[in-house]
Amino acid sequence: MTRKRIGIVSDTHGSLPQEAFELLSGQWGAERLADAVQARYRVLFDGDRAVGLEDMPRGEALESVPCDLILHAGDIGVQSALDELSAIARTVAVLGNNDFAPYWCSDGDVPAFRALTFDGVGIAMMHIPSELRCALHGRPPTVLPAVDALPQLAVHGHTHIPEVALDGAAVVVCPGSPTRSRRGSGHNAALVDIGDGRVQSVSIVRLP
């Protein structure tokens, strides 16, 4: 099985911290990465449908490799943050509620909502969690979903608190913030490993 890695950040609110750049570009090393993982989950499947999240032991080997795709879930702050991420890998971003200037990333202008497929995995992203839920499910009877089917991976920001959960068969990830801690959550990013067209595991990584 060939695995690929998706790096996720949100709520940078300004320049990208050097530690986040080094993490996403695979410069940390396996030992440092293992020490920094705060939570790690294996995604459980029934056929092609995600049905659960299993805690993986902290300290279990996690390879330190450059990301193949980077997602920024909004409140970008400055264009240079996206420029630095794009120097690592293809970067896809959405606007946050504090993003008032135009931004651009690897795929062009940055919109409020993105849906894409990467290596067989459907992805949807929006900054505010309630708005992401509306995009995924609609708001009957007046608002239709923005997607034809639930993606495997759904990403939001806004809360500054890292979280991994299931919404139906979608794995929902909030990476927290690498620059602004909230409620003692620290500075964080997320790593998602995918393979065979599935989300395999999600790791929340604490930045210094």
N, C-alpha and C. Protein backbone atom coordinates (compact mmCIF):
# COMPACT_ATOMS: atom_id res chain seq x y z
N MET A 1 0.84 -1.20 0.00
CA MET A 1 0.00 0.00 0.00
C MET A 1 0.88 1.25 0.00
N THR A 2 0.64 2.13 -0.96
CA THR A 2 1.36 3.40 -1.02
C THR A 2 0.60 4.44 -0.22
N ARG A 3 1.23 4.99 0.80
CA ARG A 3 0.57 5.99 1.62
C ARG A 3 0.99 7.39 1.19
N LYS A 4 0.08 8.31 1.36
CA LYS A 4 0.38 9.71 1.17
C LYS A 4 -0.08 10.47 2.41
N ARG A 5 0.53 11.63 2.60
CA ARG A 5 0.25 12.40 3.81
C ARG A 5 -0.35 13.76 3.46
N ILE A 6 -1.39 14.09 4.20
CA ILE A 6 -2.02 15.40 4.11
C ILE A 6 -1.71 16.15 5.40
N GLY A 7 -1.16 17.34 5.28
CA GLY A 7 -0.94 18.20 6.43
C GLY A 7 -2.06 19.22 6.52
N ILE A 8 -2.52 19.49 7.73
CA ILE A 8 -3.65 20.42 7.92
C ILE A 8 -3.28 21.46 8.96
N VAL A 9 -3.48 22.72 8.61
CA VAL A 9 -3.34 23.83 9.55
C VAL A 9 -4.56 24.73 9.42
N SER A 10 -4.75 25.56 10.40
CA SER A 10 -5.82 26.55 10.36
C SER A 10 -5.48 27.68 11.30
N ASP A 11 -6.15 28.81 11.12
CA ASP A 11 -6.06 29.91 12.08
C ASP A 11 -4.62 30.31 12.36
N THR A 12 -3.84 30.50 11.28
CA THR A 12 -2.47 30.99 11.44
C THR A 12 -2.47 32.46 11.85
N HIS A 13 -3.46 33.22 11.38
CA HIS A 13 -3.61 34.63 11.75
C HIS A 13 -2.30 35.42 11.56
N GLY A 14 -1.56 35.09 10.53
CA GLY A 14 -0.30 35.79 10.30
C GLY A 14 0.73 34.83 9.74
N SER A 15 1.99 35.09 9.99
CA SER A 15 3.06 34.30 9.40
C SER A 15 3.04 32.87 9.92
N LEU A 16 3.48 31.95 9.07
CA LEU A 16 3.55 30.54 9.43
C LEU A 16 4.73 30.30 10.36
N PRO A 17 4.53 29.69 11.53
CA PRO A 17 5.65 29.42 12.42
C PRO A 17 6.66 28.48 11.76
N GLN A 18 7.93 28.68 12.05
CA GLN A 18 8.97 27.84 11.48
C GLN A 18 8.77 26.37 11.85
N GLU A 19 8.31 26.11 13.08
CA GLU A 19 8.09 24.73 13.52
C GLU A 19 7.04 24.04 12.66
N ALA A 20 6.00 24.78 12.27
CA ALA A 20 4.97 24.19 11.41
C ALA A 20 5.52 23.89 10.03
N PHE A 21 6.32 24.80 9.50
CA PHE A 21 6.94 24.58 8.20
C PHE A 21 7.82 23.33 8.24
N GLU A 22 8.61 23.18 9.30
CA GLU A 22 9.51 22.04 9.41
C GLU A 22 8.73 20.73 9.57
N LEU A 23 7.64 20.76 10.35
CA LEU A 23 6.81 19.57 10.51
C LEU A 23 6.24 19.12 9.17
N LEU A 24 5.63 20.05 8.44
CA LEU A 24 4.94 19.69 7.21
C LEU A 24 5.90 19.33 6.09
N SER A 25 7.12 19.80 6.17
CA SER A 25 8.12 19.46 5.15
C SER A 25 8.96 18.25 5.54
N GLY A 26 8.59 17.57 6.64
CA GLY A 26 9.23 16.32 7.01
C GLY A 26 10.60 16.46 7.64
N GLN A 27 10.87 17.60 8.28
CA GLN A 27 12.20 17.85 8.84
C GLN A 27 12.33 17.48 10.33
N TRP A 28 11.26 17.04 10.96
CA TRP A 28 11.31 16.84 12.40
C TRP A 28 12.10 15.61 12.82
N GLY A 29 12.01 14.55 12.09
CA GLY A 29 12.58 13.29 12.52
C GLY A 29 11.55 12.48 13.30
N ALA A 30 11.64 11.14 13.22
CA ALA A 30 10.62 10.27 13.78
C ALA A 30 10.52 10.39 15.30
N GLU A 31 11.64 10.52 16.00
CA GLU A 31 11.60 10.58 17.46
C GLU A 31 10.93 11.86 17.94
N ARG A 32 11.30 12.98 17.34
CA ARG A 32 10.68 14.24 17.74
C ARG A 32 9.19 14.22 17.43
N LEU A 33 8.83 13.66 16.27
CA LEU A 33 7.43 13.61 15.89
C LEU A 33 6.64 12.74 16.86
N ALA A 34 7.19 11.58 17.22
CA ALA A 34 6.50 10.69 18.16
C ALA A 34 6.27 11.38 19.50
N ASP A 35 7.24 12.16 19.96
CA ASP A 35 7.11 12.86 21.24
C ASP A 35 6.05 13.95 21.19
N ALA A 36 5.83 14.52 20.00
CA ALA A 36 4.93 15.67 19.87
C ALA A 36 3.49 15.27 19.56
N VAL A 37 3.25 14.01 19.22
CA VAL A 37 1.88 13.59 18.89
C VAL A 37 1.04 13.59 20.16
N GLN A 38 -0.03 14.37 20.16
CA GLN A 38 -0.92 14.46 21.32
C GLN A 38 -2.03 13.43 21.27
N ALA A 39 -2.47 13.11 20.08
CA ALA A 39 -3.53 12.11 19.90
C ALA A 39 -3.37 11.54 18.49
N ARG A 40 -3.64 10.23 18.39
CA ARG A 40 -3.54 9.59 17.09
C ARG A 40 -4.66 8.57 16.97
N TYR A 41 -5.34 8.55 15.83
CA TYR A 41 -6.49 7.69 15.65
C TYR A 41 -6.35 6.87 14.38
N ARG A 42 -6.71 5.60 14.47
CA ARG A 42 -6.84 4.75 13.30
C ARG A 42 -8.32 4.76 12.90
N VAL A 43 -8.59 4.91 11.62
CA VAL A 43 -9.96 4.94 11.14
C VAL A 43 -10.40 3.51 10.85
N LEU A 44 -11.53 3.10 11.42
CA LEU A 44 -12.07 1.76 11.25
C LEU A 44 -13.14 1.78 10.17
N PHE A 45 -13.15 0.74 9.34
CA PHE A 45 -14.07 0.69 8.20
C PHE A 45 -14.93 -0.56 8.25
N ASP A 46 -16.14 -0.42 7.74
CA ASP A 46 -17.01 -1.54 7.41
C ASP A 46 -17.23 -1.45 5.91
N GLY A 47 -16.50 -2.27 5.17
CA GLY A 47 -16.47 -2.10 3.72
C GLY A 47 -15.76 -0.81 3.39
N ASP A 48 -16.42 0.07 2.63
CA ASP A 48 -15.83 1.36 2.28
C ASP A 48 -16.31 2.49 3.19
N ARG A 49 -17.06 2.14 4.22
CA ARG A 49 -17.66 3.17 5.09
C ARG A 49 -16.90 3.26 6.40
N ALA A 50 -16.44 4.47 6.75
CA ALA A 50 -15.80 4.69 8.04
C ALA A 50 -16.85 4.55 9.14
N VAL A 51 -16.55 3.73 10.15
CA VAL A 51 -17.53 3.46 11.20
C VAL A 51 -17.00 3.76 12.60
N GLY A 52 -15.71 4.09 12.72
CA GLY A 52 -15.20 4.35 14.05
C GLY A 52 -13.78 4.88 14.04
N LEU A 53 -13.35 5.38 15.20
CA LEU A 53 -11.99 5.86 15.40
C LEU A 53 -11.39 5.10 16.57
N GLU A 54 -10.21 4.54 16.36
CA GLU A 54 -9.54 3.77 17.40
C GLU A 54 -8.30 4.52 17.86
N ASP A 55 -8.19 4.75 19.16
CA ASP A 55 -7.00 5.40 19.71
C ASP A 55 -5.77 4.56 19.43
N MET A 56 -4.72 5.21 18.95
CA MET A 56 -3.44 4.54 18.74
C MET A 56 -2.49 4.99 19.84
N PRO A 57 -1.63 4.10 20.33
CA PRO A 57 -0.73 4.45 21.45
C PRO A 57 0.18 5.61 21.10
N ARG A 58 0.35 6.54 22.03
CA ARG A 58 1.34 7.60 21.85
C ARG A 58 2.72 6.99 21.81
N GLY A 59 3.60 7.56 21.01
CA GLY A 59 4.95 7.05 20.91
C GLY A 59 5.11 5.98 19.85
N GLU A 60 3.99 5.46 19.31
CA GLU A 60 4.08 4.48 18.23
C GLU A 60 4.73 5.14 17.02
N ALA A 61 5.54 4.39 16.30
CA ALA A 61 6.32 4.94 15.19
C ALA A 61 5.43 5.66 14.19
N LEU A 62 5.81 6.88 13.85
CA LEU A 62 5.13 7.67 12.84
C LEU A 62 6.21 8.31 11.99
N GLU A 63 6.25 7.91 10.73
CA GLU A 63 7.31 8.37 9.85
C GLU A 63 7.23 9.87 9.63
N SER A 64 8.39 10.53 9.66
CA SER A 64 8.46 11.96 9.38
C SER A 64 8.79 12.15 7.91
N VAL A 65 7.79 12.52 7.13
CA VAL A 65 7.95 12.68 5.68
C VAL A 65 7.30 13.98 5.24
N PRO A 66 7.72 14.56 4.11
CA PRO A 66 7.06 15.75 3.60
C PRO A 66 5.61 15.46 3.23
N CYS A 67 4.75 16.42 3.43
CA CYS A 67 3.35 16.26 3.04
C CYS A 67 3.21 16.28 1.52
N ASP A 68 2.24 15.51 1.05
CA ASP A 68 1.93 15.48 -0.38
C ASP A 68 0.85 16.50 -0.73
N LEU A 69 0.08 16.91 0.26
CA LEU A 69 -0.98 17.92 0.10
C LEU A 69 -1.09 18.65 1.42
N ILE A 70 -1.32 19.96 1.37
CA ILE A 70 -1.53 20.76 2.58
C ILE A 70 -2.86 21.48 2.48
N LEU A 71 -3.63 21.42 3.54
CA LEU A 71 -4.91 22.11 3.63
C LEU A 71 -4.81 23.20 4.69
N HIS A 72 -5.28 24.40 4.35
CA HIS A 72 -5.38 25.49 5.32
C HIS A 72 -6.85 25.85 5.46
N ALA A 73 -7.37 25.68 6.68
CA ALA A 73 -8.81 25.81 6.90
C ALA A 73 -9.25 27.21 7.31
N GLY A 74 -8.51 28.24 6.91
CA GLY A 74 -9.00 29.60 7.06
C GLY A 74 -8.42 30.40 8.20
N ASP A 75 -8.76 31.70 8.22
CA ASP A 75 -8.11 32.71 9.05
C ASP A 75 -6.61 32.67 8.78
N ILE A 76 -6.29 32.96 7.54
CA ILE A 76 -4.93 32.85 7.01
C ILE A 76 -4.06 33.98 7.56
N GLY A 77 -4.52 35.20 7.42
CA GLY A 77 -3.82 36.35 7.98
C GLY A 77 -2.94 37.08 7.00
N VAL A 78 -2.04 36.36 6.33
CA VAL A 78 -1.16 36.99 5.34
C VAL A 78 -0.92 36.01 4.20
N GLN A 79 -0.72 36.55 3.00
CA GLN A 79 -0.48 35.71 1.83
C GLN A 79 0.79 34.87 1.98
N SER A 80 1.79 35.39 2.67
CA SER A 80 3.06 34.68 2.78
C SER A 80 2.90 33.31 3.45
N ALA A 81 1.91 33.15 4.33
CA ALA A 81 1.68 31.85 4.95
C ALA A 81 1.36 30.79 3.90
N LEU A 82 0.51 31.16 2.93
CA LEU A 82 0.18 30.22 1.86
C LEU A 82 1.35 30.02 0.91
N ASP A 83 2.11 31.08 0.69
CA ASP A 83 3.29 30.95 -0.19
C ASP A 83 4.29 29.96 0.39
N GLU A 84 4.51 30.03 1.69
CA GLU A 84 5.47 29.12 2.33
C GLU A 84 4.95 27.69 2.30
N LEU A 85 3.67 27.49 2.54
CA LEU A 85 3.09 26.15 2.47
C LEU A 85 3.19 25.58 1.06
N SER A 86 2.95 26.44 0.07
CA SER A 86 2.99 25.99 -1.33
C SER A 86 4.39 25.60 -1.76
N ALA A 87 5.40 26.09 -1.04
CA ALA A 87 6.77 25.68 -1.35
C ALA A 87 7.03 24.24 -0.92
N ILE A 88 6.19 23.70 -0.03
CA ILE A 88 6.32 22.32 0.42
C ILE A 88 5.56 21.38 -0.50
N ALA A 89 4.29 21.71 -0.78
CA ALA A 89 3.42 20.84 -1.55
C ALA A 89 2.23 21.64 -2.05
N ARG A 90 1.46 21.02 -2.91
CA ARG A 90 0.20 21.64 -3.35
C ARG A 90 -0.60 22.05 -2.11
N THR A 91 -1.03 23.28 -2.09
CA THR A 91 -1.75 23.83 -0.94
C THR A 91 -3.13 24.30 -1.37
N VAL A 92 -4.15 23.86 -0.65
CA VAL A 92 -5.53 24.25 -0.90
C VAL A 92 -6.04 24.94 0.36
N ALA A 93 -6.70 26.07 0.21
CA ALA A 93 -7.13 26.86 1.37
C ALA A 93 -8.55 27.36 1.19
N VAL A 94 -9.17 27.70 2.31
CA VAL A 94 -10.46 28.39 2.31
C VAL A 94 -10.35 29.65 3.16
N LEU A 95 -11.26 30.57 2.94
CA LEU A 95 -11.28 31.82 3.69
C LEU A 95 -11.87 31.60 5.09
N GLY A 96 -11.34 32.32 6.06
CA GLY A 96 -11.91 32.34 7.39
C GLY A 96 -12.72 33.60 7.61
N ASN A 97 -13.37 33.70 8.76
CA ASN A 97 -14.20 34.87 9.04
C ASN A 97 -13.38 36.13 9.27
N ASN A 98 -12.05 36.00 9.44
CA ASN A 98 -11.18 37.16 9.58
C ASN A 98 -10.35 37.44 8.34
N ASP A 99 -10.64 36.75 7.25
CA ASP A 99 -9.90 36.96 6.00
C ASP A 99 -10.67 37.92 5.11
N PHE A 100 -10.16 39.15 5.01
CA PHE A 100 -10.88 40.17 4.26
C PHE A 100 -10.19 40.55 2.96
N ALA A 101 -8.93 40.17 2.79
CA ALA A 101 -8.21 40.47 1.55
C ALA A 101 -8.26 39.24 0.65
N PRO A 102 -8.09 39.41 -0.66
CA PRO A 102 -8.02 38.23 -1.54
C PRO A 102 -6.73 37.46 -1.29
N TYR A 103 -6.83 36.14 -1.37
CA TYR A 103 -5.67 35.27 -1.23
C TYR A 103 -5.65 34.31 -2.42
N TRP A 104 -4.49 33.74 -2.66
CA TRP A 104 -4.40 32.73 -3.70
C TRP A 104 -3.49 31.61 -3.21
N CYS A 105 -3.74 30.41 -3.72
CA CYS A 105 -2.95 29.24 -3.32
C CYS A 105 -2.62 28.45 -4.58
N SER A 106 -2.23 27.21 -4.43
CA SER A 106 -1.77 26.41 -5.56
C SER A 106 -2.85 26.26 -6.64
N ASP A 107 -4.11 26.26 -6.22
CA ASP A 107 -5.21 26.06 -7.17
C ASP A 107 -5.89 27.37 -7.57
N GLY A 108 -5.26 28.50 -7.29
CA GLY A 108 -5.84 29.79 -7.68
C GLY A 108 -6.46 30.53 -6.50
N ASP A 109 -7.52 31.29 -6.78
CA ASP A 109 -8.15 32.10 -5.74
C ASP A 109 -8.67 31.22 -4.60
N VAL A 110 -8.66 31.79 -3.40
CA VAL A 110 -9.12 31.06 -2.22
C VAL A 110 -10.60 31.39 -1.98
N PRO A 111 -11.48 30.39 -2.03
CA PRO A 111 -12.91 30.60 -1.79
C PRO A 111 -13.28 30.31 -0.35
N ALA A 112 -14.56 30.37 -0.04
CA ALA A 112 -15.03 30.07 1.31
C ALA A 112 -15.23 28.57 1.52
N PHE A 113 -15.44 27.81 0.45
CA PHE A 113 -15.69 26.37 0.54
C PHE A 113 -14.91 25.67 -0.56
N ARG A 114 -14.34 24.52 -0.24
CA ARG A 114 -13.65 23.71 -1.24
C ARG A 114 -14.07 22.26 -1.11
N ALA A 115 -14.26 21.62 -2.24
CA ALA A 115 -14.46 20.18 -2.32
C ALA A 115 -13.52 19.66 -3.40
N LEU A 116 -12.78 18.62 -3.09
CA LEU A 116 -11.81 18.08 -4.03
C LEU A 116 -11.60 16.61 -3.73
N THR A 117 -10.94 15.92 -4.65
CA THR A 117 -10.54 14.54 -4.45
C THR A 117 -9.03 14.46 -4.57
N PHE A 118 -8.41 13.79 -3.59
CA PHE A 118 -6.96 13.62 -3.61
C PHE A 118 -6.64 12.15 -3.40
N ASP A 119 -6.00 11.55 -4.36
CA ASP A 119 -5.59 10.15 -4.29
C ASP A 119 -6.77 9.25 -3.90
N GLY A 120 -7.92 9.53 -4.48
CA GLY A 120 -9.10 8.71 -4.25
C GLY A 120 -9.91 9.06 -3.03
N VAL A 121 -9.47 10.06 -2.24
CA VAL A 121 -10.17 10.46 -1.02
C VAL A 121 -10.90 11.78 -1.26
N GLY A 122 -12.22 11.77 -1.07
CA GLY A 122 -12.99 12.99 -1.19
C GLY A 122 -12.77 13.87 0.03
N ILE A 123 -12.61 15.18 -0.20
CA ILE A 123 -12.30 16.14 0.87
C ILE A 123 -13.23 17.35 0.73
N ALA A 124 -13.76 17.82 1.84
CA ALA A 124 -14.51 19.07 1.87
C ALA A 124 -13.95 19.93 3.00
N MET A 125 -13.92 21.24 2.78
CA MET A 125 -13.30 22.13 3.78
C MET A 125 -14.04 23.46 3.83
N MET A 126 -14.30 23.92 5.06
CA MET A 126 -14.91 25.23 5.30
C MET A 126 -14.47 25.66 6.70
N HIS A 127 -14.35 26.95 6.92
CA HIS A 127 -13.73 27.43 8.16
C HIS A 127 -14.57 27.17 9.40
N ILE A 128 -15.83 27.56 9.40
CA ILE A 128 -16.67 27.50 10.59
C ILE A 128 -17.39 26.16 10.62
N PRO A 129 -17.32 25.42 11.74
CA PRO A 129 -17.88 24.06 11.76
C PRO A 129 -19.36 23.99 11.44
N SER A 130 -20.16 24.91 11.93
CA SER A 130 -21.60 24.87 11.64
C SER A 130 -21.87 25.07 10.15
N GLU A 131 -21.06 25.90 9.51
CA GLU A 131 -21.23 26.12 8.07
C GLU A 131 -20.75 24.92 7.27
N LEU A 132 -19.71 24.23 7.77
CA LEU A 132 -19.29 22.99 7.13
C LEU A 132 -20.39 21.94 7.21
N ARG A 133 -21.03 21.79 8.37
CA ARG A 133 -22.12 20.83 8.50
C ARG A 133 -23.25 21.13 7.53
N CYS A 134 -23.54 22.41 7.36
CA CYS A 134 -24.59 22.80 6.41
C CYS A 134 -24.17 22.46 4.99
N ALA A 135 -22.90 22.67 4.66
CA ALA A 135 -22.41 22.33 3.32
C ALA A 135 -22.49 20.83 3.07
N LEU A 136 -22.26 20.03 4.12
CA LEU A 136 -22.29 18.58 3.95
C LEU A 136 -23.71 18.02 3.91
N HIS A 137 -24.60 18.57 4.74
CA HIS A 137 -25.92 17.98 4.90
C HIS A 137 -27.07 18.86 4.40
N GLY A 138 -26.78 20.12 4.12
CA GLY A 138 -27.86 21.04 3.80
C GLY A 138 -28.62 21.46 5.05
N ARG A 139 -29.64 22.22 4.85
CA ARG A 139 -30.51 22.63 5.96
C ARG A 139 -31.95 22.50 5.47
N PRO A 140 -32.48 21.28 5.54
CA PRO A 140 -33.82 21.02 5.00
C PRO A 140 -34.85 21.94 5.64
N PRO A 141 -35.87 22.36 4.87
CA PRO A 141 -36.11 21.96 3.48
C PRO A 141 -35.58 22.97 2.45
N THR A 142 -34.90 24.01 2.90
CA THR A 142 -34.60 25.11 1.98
C THR A 142 -33.19 25.08 1.41
N VAL A 143 -32.22 24.52 2.13
CA VAL A 143 -30.83 24.57 1.70
C VAL A 143 -30.35 23.16 1.35
N LEU A 144 -29.86 23.00 0.13
CA LEU A 144 -29.35 21.71 -0.32
C LEU A 144 -27.87 21.57 0.04
N PRO A 145 -27.38 20.34 0.22
CA PRO A 145 -25.95 20.16 0.47
C PRO A 145 -25.12 20.70 -0.69
N ALA A 146 -23.90 21.11 -0.38
CA ALA A 146 -22.98 21.60 -1.41
C ALA A 146 -22.20 20.47 -2.07
N VAL A 147 -22.37 19.24 -1.57
CA VAL A 147 -21.68 18.08 -2.11
C VAL A 147 -22.71 17.03 -2.51
N ASP A 148 -22.36 16.22 -3.52
CA ASP A 148 -23.27 15.16 -3.96
C ASP A 148 -23.31 14.00 -2.98
N ALA A 149 -22.20 13.76 -2.28
CA ALA A 149 -22.12 12.68 -1.30
C ALA A 149 -21.14 13.11 -0.22
N LEU A 150 -21.28 12.52 0.97
CA LEU A 150 -20.36 12.86 2.06
C LEU A 150 -18.92 12.52 1.65
N PRO A 151 -17.98 13.43 1.89
CA PRO A 151 -16.58 13.12 1.63
C PRO A 151 -16.04 12.20 2.72
N GLN A 152 -14.89 11.60 2.47
CA GLN A 152 -14.24 10.82 3.51
C GLN A 152 -13.60 11.70 4.57
N LEU A 153 -13.12 12.88 4.13
CA LEU A 153 -12.42 13.79 5.03
C LEU A 153 -13.06 15.16 4.97
N ALA A 154 -13.48 15.68 6.12
CA ALA A 154 -14.04 17.02 6.21
C ALA A 154 -13.20 17.82 7.20
N VAL A 155 -12.87 19.06 6.84
CA VAL A 155 -11.92 19.85 7.62
C VAL A 155 -12.51 21.22 7.93
N HIS A 156 -12.34 21.65 9.17
CA HIS A 156 -12.73 23.01 9.54
C HIS A 156 -11.69 23.57 10.49
N GLY A 157 -11.81 24.86 10.77
CA GLY A 157 -10.97 25.55 11.74
C GLY A 157 -11.84 26.28 12.73
N HIS A 158 -11.49 27.54 13.02
CA HIS A 158 -12.30 28.50 13.76
C HIS A 158 -12.25 28.32 15.28
N THR A 159 -12.30 27.08 15.78
CA THR A 159 -12.36 26.89 17.22
C THR A 159 -11.00 27.02 17.90
N HIS A 160 -9.91 26.85 17.15
CA HIS A 160 -8.54 26.84 17.66
C HIS A 160 -8.28 25.64 18.57
N ILE A 161 -9.20 24.69 18.65
CA ILE A 161 -9.06 23.52 19.51
C ILE A 161 -9.06 22.27 18.64
N PRO A 162 -7.99 21.49 18.67
CA PRO A 162 -7.93 20.31 17.81
C PRO A 162 -8.99 19.28 18.18
N GLU A 163 -9.54 18.64 17.14
CA GLU A 163 -10.59 17.64 17.37
C GLU A 163 -10.64 16.70 16.17
N VAL A 164 -10.91 15.44 16.44
CA VAL A 164 -11.14 14.44 15.41
C VAL A 164 -12.42 13.70 15.77
N ALA A 165 -13.36 13.63 14.82
CA ALA A 165 -14.65 13.00 15.09
C ALA A 165 -15.20 12.42 13.81
N LEU A 166 -16.28 11.65 13.93
CA LEU A 166 -16.99 11.14 12.76
C LEU A 166 -18.31 11.87 12.61
N ASP A 167 -18.65 12.18 11.38
CA ASP A 167 -19.97 12.71 11.03
C ASP A 167 -20.51 11.78 9.95
N GLY A 168 -21.30 10.81 10.37
CA GLY A 168 -21.65 9.75 9.43
C GLY A 168 -20.38 8.99 9.07
N ALA A 169 -20.11 8.87 7.78
CA ALA A 169 -18.90 8.19 7.32
C ALA A 169 -17.75 9.16 7.06
N ALA A 170 -17.94 10.42 7.37
CA ALA A 170 -16.89 11.42 7.15
C ALA A 170 -16.04 11.58 8.40
N VAL A 171 -14.72 11.57 8.22
CA VAL A 171 -13.80 11.88 9.31
C VAL A 171 -13.63 13.39 9.35
N VAL A 172 -14.02 14.01 10.45
CA VAL A 172 -13.98 15.47 10.58
C VAL A 172 -12.77 15.85 11.43
N VAL A 173 -11.94 16.74 10.89
CA VAL A 173 -10.71 17.13 11.56
C VAL A 173 -10.66 18.64 11.71
N CYS A 174 -10.41 19.09 12.94
CA CYS A 174 -10.02 20.46 13.20
C CYS A 174 -8.60 20.41 13.73
N PRO A 175 -7.64 21.06 13.07
CA PRO A 175 -6.24 20.94 13.50
C PRO A 175 -5.86 21.83 14.67
N GLY A 176 -6.77 22.68 15.12
CA GLY A 176 -6.38 23.69 16.10
C GLY A 176 -5.66 24.83 15.40
N SER A 177 -4.84 25.56 16.12
CA SER A 177 -4.09 26.69 15.57
C SER A 177 -2.62 26.56 15.91
N PRO A 178 -1.73 26.85 14.95
CA PRO A 178 -0.30 26.80 15.25
C PRO A 178 0.22 28.07 15.92
N THR A 179 -0.64 29.08 16.08
CA THR A 179 -0.17 30.37 16.59
C THR A 179 -0.97 30.90 17.78
N ARG A 180 -2.24 30.50 17.92
CA ARG A 180 -3.08 31.07 18.96
C ARG A 180 -3.79 29.97 19.73
N SER A 181 -3.28 29.64 20.89
CA SER A 181 -3.89 28.62 21.73
C SER A 181 -5.20 29.13 22.31
N ARG A 182 -6.12 28.22 22.50
CA ARG A 182 -7.39 28.57 23.14
C ARG A 182 -7.76 27.47 24.12
N ARG A 183 -8.18 27.86 25.33
CA ARG A 183 -8.57 26.92 26.38
C ARG A 183 -7.46 25.93 26.70
N GLY A 184 -6.23 26.41 26.66
CA GLY A 184 -5.10 25.57 27.03
C GLY A 184 -4.77 24.47 26.04
N SER A 185 -5.26 24.60 24.81
CA SER A 185 -5.07 23.53 23.82
C SER A 185 -3.67 23.52 23.22
N GLY A 186 -2.91 24.59 23.40
CA GLY A 186 -1.57 24.66 22.81
C GLY A 186 -1.61 25.00 21.34
N HIS A 187 -0.43 24.94 20.72
CA HIS A 187 -0.30 25.22 19.29
C HIS A 187 -0.21 23.88 18.55
N ASN A 188 -1.03 23.70 17.52
CA ASN A 188 -1.16 22.38 16.93
C ASN A 188 -1.33 22.41 15.41
N ALA A 189 -1.07 21.26 14.81
CA ALA A 189 -1.37 20.98 13.41
C ALA A 189 -1.83 19.52 13.35
N ALA A 190 -2.31 19.09 12.20
CA ALA A 190 -2.78 17.71 12.04
C ALA A 190 -2.10 17.07 10.84
N LEU A 191 -1.88 15.76 10.95
CA LEU A 191 -1.36 14.96 9.85
C LEU A 191 -2.35 13.84 9.57
N VAL A 192 -2.71 13.68 8.31
CA VAL A 192 -3.63 12.62 7.90
C VAL A 192 -2.92 11.73 6.90
N ASP A 193 -2.83 10.44 7.21
CA ASP A 193 -2.24 9.48 6.28
C ASP A 193 -3.36 8.76 5.55
N ILE A 194 -3.24 8.68 4.22
CA ILE A 194 -4.24 8.02 3.40
C ILE A 194 -3.57 6.94 2.56
N GLY A 195 -4.35 5.96 2.15
CA GLY A 195 -3.85 4.89 1.29
C GLY A 195 -4.99 4.05 0.78
N ASP A 196 -4.87 3.52 -0.41
CA ASP A 196 -5.93 2.70 -1.02
C ASP A 196 -7.26 3.44 -1.07
N GLY A 197 -7.20 4.76 -1.27
CA GLY A 197 -8.44 5.53 -1.38
C GLY A 197 -9.18 5.71 -0.08
N ARG A 198 -8.48 5.54 1.06
CA ARG A 198 -9.12 5.69 2.36
C ARG A 198 -8.27 6.54 3.29
N VAL A 199 -8.93 7.18 4.24
CA VAL A 199 -8.22 7.82 5.35
C VAL A 199 -7.78 6.71 6.30
N GLN A 200 -6.48 6.57 6.52
CA GLN A 200 -5.96 5.51 7.37
C GLN A 200 -5.83 5.95 8.83
N SER A 201 -5.22 7.13 9.05
CA SER A 201 -4.99 7.59 10.42
C SER A 201 -4.94 9.10 10.45
N VAL A 202 -5.23 9.65 11.64
CA VAL A 202 -5.18 11.10 11.88
C VAL A 202 -4.36 11.33 13.14
N SER A 203 -3.40 12.25 13.06
CA SER A 203 -2.55 12.57 14.21
C SER A 203 -2.64 14.07 14.51
N ILE A 204 -2.85 14.41 15.77
CA ILE A 204 -2.76 15.80 16.22
C ILE A 204 -1.38 16.00 16.81
N VAL A 205 -0.66 16.99 16.28
CA VAL A 205 0.73 17.20 16.66
C VAL A 205 0.87 18.54 17.36
N ARG A 206 1.48 18.53 18.55
CA ARG A 206 1.71 19.75 19.32
C ARG A 206 2.99 20.42 18.84
N LEU A 207 2.91 21.69 18.52
CA LEU A 207 4.07 22.47 18.12
C LEU A 207 4.66 23.13 19.36
N PRO A 208 5.98 23.41 19.33
CA PRO A 208 6.61 24.07 20.49
C PRO A 208 5.99 25.43 20.76
